[in-house]
Amino acid sequence: MTSRGQSTAVSAPAPAGDGHSATEARYPSDGSSGGDHADHADRADRADRAEHGAASGMPIGLDQLHDTARRIAANVERVLVGKPEVVRIALVTLLAEGHLLVEDVPGVGKTSLAKALARSIDCTVSRVQFTPDLLPSDVTGVSIFNRQRSDFEFRPGPVFANIVVGDEINRASPKTQSALLECMEERQVTVDATTYELGRPFMVIATQNPVEMEGTYALPEAQRDRFTARVSIGYPDVAAELAMVDEHAGADPLRQLRPVSDGTTVQRLVDKVRTLHVAAEVKQYAVELAAATRQLPEVRLGASPRATLQLVRAARAQAALSGREFVVPDDLHAVAVPVLAHRLVLTTEAHAARRSATDVVRAVLARVPVPHGARHR
């Protein structure tokens, strides 16, 4: 049996899907036709170069990062039609090595977004349907007595995967929800005084329904604070909904998705994002934005220091998607609402005045002065 306090590596379950690699996938690029042979050859050549670079340990560049992110976004948008901003935040969260909370009304594609992003990356994926009777061991795993060895052996749960899709997380009890606290923050699981390291990359994509409150348990502040960003998909416009009816009414687009990247490449992209430069003035600006949320009379609980760190990490990912090696205040503005809003707890008076956390974050962005000379031009 493993000694107390020992850190142990546990193999993740086999990857889901049909085994197609990223280089085997064939997808049209932005706005192009799938029958363009020259475009197919160009994409295959880029994929081969990316695979060669990953195998040889060559440093990754922003051009490869942008190309991989574009292919993942195009893949997800085949399922989530007409929501490029939502897909952008999902990619920012992925590159920031964070976790994503998708909160919206039924039927707008919350689970479809999570599954499409997971299936776009050739890595281990698991799905957990949160229910009131779910136990923490159903998520993290459990030690089972092995009669042949006369010892306990650990059976890893679904959390031992690169991407964990948690459907309707607020339907599980707070006891079960707390099973995700350690793995989301520290990328590890402790069972029976033994610590098991999780693989990388590791991302939790959770969904919740804010309107069906019967039989649900609101996420505590400590749980929400571990999600890097929260997005609300919203209803599509008429044109997007009509396109969805034309394309998706006869077939499930999720079944047609194939990976366009892999876990090793995504981890290298995450490592590249971490190297992007953040000037001292921009760091100070991020700290001032978070501190401003703690001083407002309509806010009972402001952004935590963890929120400041996640804001800077998300801004780095946003800068990388914009093709820059450095972060500017505009990057902080682009991610401030999805990163900060869900962490704020407003007062009763603010709710009575119909003030939302999004309104508060936008007011803070307008109030805190941008550092001189740091504005993106």
Foldseek 3Di string as FASTA:
>chain_A
DDDFQAEAADAADAADDDPDALLRDQDDAVPDDSPPVVVRVVLSVLVVVLVVCLVVVPADALVNVLVLLRQLLRQLCVQQPPFSLVSLLVQLCLLLLAEEEEEEAPDNQLLSSLLSSSQQAGWHEEEAEAAQPDALCQAAWAWDQDPVVRGTDTDGHRQQILEYEYEANQLYDPNNLCSCLCCLPPQWHADPSYIYHHDPSHYYYYYHYPPPPPNGHDDDLSSLLRGQFYDYRDHHDPVRVVVCCVSPVVHHSSNVRHHNHYRSSSVSSSVLLVQAAEDPLNLVLLVQLQVVQVPDPFWPDTRDVSLSVSLVSSLSSQCSNVVDSYGFVVSSVSGVQGRTQSNTDTDPVCVVVVHGSSNVSVVSVVPRDRDPPRHDD
